[in-house]
């Protein structure tokens, strides 16, 4: 679980440094044919949902985190 927390911290640092326009508009991940923007990913990750965990794992696999 510690590894997941580390990925969450990495995501939050990246998110904090993004311009608002990119957060709203850019799609960073597609899971189950559903696109997610930075803002949508942030909501899921900060809420510690199962989807948030999946997003973190996918972003790690894509070397974004």
N, C-alpha and C. Protein backbone atom coordinates (compact mmCIF):
# COMPACT_ATOMS: atom_id res chain seq x y z
N UNK A 1 0.82 -1.19 0.00
CA UNK A 1 0.00 0.00 0.00
C UNK A 1 0.86 1.26 0.00
N UNK A 2 2.05 1.20 0.58
CA UNK A 2 2.94 2.35 0.61
C UNK A 2 3.30 2.81 -0.79
N UNK A 3 3.49 1.84 -1.70
CA UNK A 3 3.83 2.19 -3.08
C UNK A 3 2.71 3.00 -3.72
N UNK A 4 1.47 2.63 -3.45
CA UNK A 4 0.32 3.35 -3.98
C UNK A 4 0.28 4.78 -3.44
N UNK A 5 0.62 4.95 -2.18
CA UNK A 5 0.67 6.29 -1.59
C UNK A 5 1.77 7.13 -2.24
N UNK A 6 2.90 6.51 -2.55
CA UNK A 6 3.99 7.22 -3.22
C UNK A 6 3.55 7.69 -4.60
N UNK A 7 2.82 6.85 -5.32
CA UNK A 7 2.32 7.21 -6.64
C UNK A 7 1.29 8.34 -6.53
N UNK A 8 0.49 8.29 -5.49
CA UNK A 8 -0.51 9.34 -5.25
C UNK A 8 0.19 10.69 -5.03
N UNK A 9 1.26 10.68 -4.25
CA UNK A 9 2.02 11.91 -3.98
C UNK A 9 2.64 12.43 -5.28
N UNK A 10 3.21 11.54 -6.09
CA UNK A 10 3.78 11.95 -7.37
C UNK A 10 2.73 12.59 -8.26
N UNK A 11 1.56 11.96 -8.33
CA UNK A 11 0.47 12.50 -9.14
C UNK A 11 0.09 13.90 -8.66
N UNK A 12 -0.06 14.07 -7.35
CA UNK A 12 -0.48 15.35 -6.79
C UNK A 12 0.55 16.45 -7.10
N UNK A 13 1.83 16.11 -7.06
CA UNK A 13 2.88 17.09 -7.38
C UNK A 13 2.80 17.51 -8.85
N UNK A 14 2.60 16.55 -9.73
CA UNK A 14 2.47 16.86 -11.16
C UNK A 14 1.23 17.71 -11.38
N UNK A 15 0.13 17.29 -10.81
CA UNK A 15 -1.15 17.99 -10.96
C UNK A 15 -1.04 19.44 -10.49
N UNK A 16 -0.40 19.67 -9.37
CA UNK A 16 -0.28 21.00 -8.80
C UNK A 16 0.48 21.96 -9.72
N UNK A 17 1.35 21.43 -10.56
CA UNK A 17 2.16 22.27 -11.44
C UNK A 17 1.58 22.45 -12.84
N UNK A 18 0.41 21.89 -13.09
CA UNK A 18 -0.21 22.01 -14.41
C UNK A 18 -1.07 23.27 -14.49
N UNK A 19 -1.05 23.92 -15.65
CA UNK A 19 -1.97 25.05 -15.86
C UNK A 19 -3.42 24.56 -15.84
N UNK A 20 -4.33 25.41 -15.40
CA UNK A 20 -5.74 25.04 -15.28
C UNK A 20 -6.33 24.55 -16.59
N UNK A 21 -5.95 25.15 -17.69
CA UNK A 21 -6.48 24.74 -19.00
C UNK A 21 -6.14 23.28 -19.31
N UNK A 22 -4.94 22.87 -19.00
CA UNK A 22 -4.52 21.48 -19.25
C UNK A 22 -5.28 20.54 -18.32
N UNK A 23 -5.46 20.93 -17.09
CA UNK A 23 -6.20 20.09 -16.13
C UNK A 23 -7.61 19.79 -16.62
N UNK A 24 -8.26 20.79 -17.21
CA UNK A 24 -9.65 20.65 -17.64
C UNK A 24 -9.80 19.91 -18.96
N UNK A 25 -8.87 20.13 -19.88
CA UNK A 25 -9.09 19.69 -21.26
C UNK A 25 -8.32 18.45 -21.68
N UNK A 26 -7.10 18.28 -21.21
CA UNK A 26 -6.27 17.18 -21.69
C UNK A 26 -6.67 15.85 -21.07
N UNK A 27 -6.90 14.88 -21.92
CA UNK A 27 -7.21 13.52 -21.47
C UNK A 27 -5.88 12.81 -21.23
N UNK A 28 -5.71 12.27 -20.04
CA UNK A 28 -4.44 11.62 -19.72
C UNK A 28 -4.52 10.11 -19.71
N UNK A 29 -5.73 9.57 -19.59
CA UNK A 29 -5.85 8.12 -19.49
C UNK A 29 -7.23 7.68 -19.97
N UNK A 30 -7.29 6.49 -20.54
CA UNK A 30 -8.56 5.87 -20.92
C UNK A 30 -8.63 4.53 -20.23
N UNK A 31 -9.67 4.34 -19.44
CA UNK A 31 -9.88 3.08 -18.72
C UNK A 31 -11.28 2.59 -19.05
N UNK A 32 -11.35 1.35 -19.50
CA UNK A 32 -12.63 0.76 -19.91
C UNK A 32 -13.37 1.64 -20.92
N UNK A 33 -12.61 2.12 -21.89
CA UNK A 33 -13.14 2.97 -22.98
C UNK A 33 -13.70 4.30 -22.50
N UNK A 34 -13.37 4.70 -21.27
CA UNK A 34 -13.82 5.97 -20.71
C UNK A 34 -12.61 6.90 -20.55
N UNK A 35 -12.63 8.08 -21.20
CA UNK A 35 -11.51 9.01 -21.08
C UNK A 35 -11.57 9.81 -19.77
N UNK A 36 -10.41 10.11 -19.22
CA UNK A 36 -10.32 10.88 -17.98
C UNK A 36 -9.34 12.03 -18.16
N UNK A 37 -9.79 13.23 -17.79
CA UNK A 37 -8.92 14.41 -17.80
C UNK A 37 -8.10 14.40 -16.50
N UNK A 38 -7.18 15.35 -16.40
CA UNK A 38 -6.42 15.49 -15.16
C UNK A 38 -7.36 15.75 -13.99
N UNK A 39 -8.37 16.60 -14.20
CA UNK A 39 -9.31 16.91 -13.11
C UNK A 39 -10.11 15.69 -12.67
N UNK A 40 -10.59 14.91 -13.63
CA UNK A 40 -11.35 13.71 -13.29
C UNK A 40 -10.47 12.70 -12.56
N UNK A 41 -9.24 12.55 -13.04
CA UNK A 41 -8.30 11.65 -12.38
C UNK A 41 -8.00 12.13 -10.96
N UNK A 42 -7.82 13.44 -10.81
CA UNK A 42 -7.56 14.01 -9.49
C UNK A 42 -8.70 13.68 -8.52
N UNK A 43 -9.93 13.86 -8.97
CA UNK A 43 -11.08 13.58 -8.12
C UNK A 43 -11.07 12.12 -7.66
N UNK A 44 -10.87 11.20 -8.59
CA UNK A 44 -10.88 9.77 -8.25
C UNK A 44 -9.71 9.41 -7.32
N UNK A 45 -8.55 9.93 -7.61
CA UNK A 45 -7.35 9.61 -6.81
C UNK A 45 -7.46 10.23 -5.41
N UNK A 46 -7.87 11.49 -5.34
CA UNK A 46 -7.96 12.13 -4.02
C UNK A 46 -9.08 11.53 -3.17
N UNK A 47 -10.08 10.94 -3.82
CA UNK A 47 -11.17 10.28 -3.09
C UNK A 47 -10.83 8.83 -2.73
N UNK A 48 -9.66 8.37 -3.16
CA UNK A 48 -9.18 7.00 -2.88
C UNK A 48 -10.17 5.93 -3.33
N UNK A 49 -10.71 6.11 -4.53
CA UNK A 49 -11.63 5.11 -5.09
C UNK A 49 -10.85 3.99 -5.78
N UNK A 50 -11.55 2.90 -6.07
CA UNK A 50 -10.94 1.80 -6.82
C UNK A 50 -10.51 2.29 -8.21
N UNK A 51 -11.33 3.14 -8.81
CA UNK A 51 -10.98 3.72 -10.10
C UNK A 51 -9.72 4.56 -9.98
N UNK A 52 -9.60 5.30 -8.89
CA UNK A 52 -8.39 6.09 -8.64
C UNK A 52 -7.15 5.21 -8.57
N UNK A 53 -7.27 4.07 -7.92
CA UNK A 53 -6.16 3.12 -7.85
C UNK A 53 -5.80 2.62 -9.25
N UNK A 54 -6.82 2.31 -10.05
CA UNK A 54 -6.59 1.84 -11.42
C UNK A 54 -5.90 2.92 -12.25
N UNK A 55 -6.32 4.16 -12.07
CA UNK A 55 -5.70 5.27 -12.80
C UNK A 55 -4.23 5.39 -12.42
N UNK A 56 -3.93 5.32 -11.14
CA UNK A 56 -2.54 5.41 -10.69
C UNK A 56 -1.68 4.28 -11.28
N UNK A 57 -2.21 3.07 -11.27
CA UNK A 57 -1.47 1.93 -11.81
C UNK A 57 -1.21 2.10 -13.30
N UNK A 58 -2.22 2.57 -14.04
CA UNK A 58 -2.05 2.78 -15.48
C UNK A 58 -1.04 3.88 -15.76
N UNK A 59 -1.12 4.99 -15.01
CA UNK A 59 -0.17 6.08 -15.20
C UNK A 59 1.26 5.64 -14.90
N UNK A 60 1.41 4.80 -13.89
CA UNK A 60 2.74 4.24 -13.56
C UNK A 60 3.22 3.36 -14.71
N UNK A 61 2.33 2.53 -15.24
CA UNK A 61 2.68 1.65 -16.36
C UNK A 61 3.07 2.42 -17.61
N UNK A 62 2.50 3.61 -17.78
CA UNK A 62 2.81 4.44 -18.94
C UNK A 62 4.01 5.37 -18.69
N UNK A 63 4.64 5.23 -17.53
CA UNK A 63 5.79 6.03 -17.12
C UNK A 63 5.45 7.52 -17.01
N UNK A 64 4.19 7.83 -16.71
CA UNK A 64 3.81 9.21 -16.44
C UNK A 64 4.15 9.55 -14.99
N UNK A 65 4.09 8.55 -14.13
CA UNK A 65 4.48 8.73 -12.72
C UNK A 65 5.78 8.03 -12.47
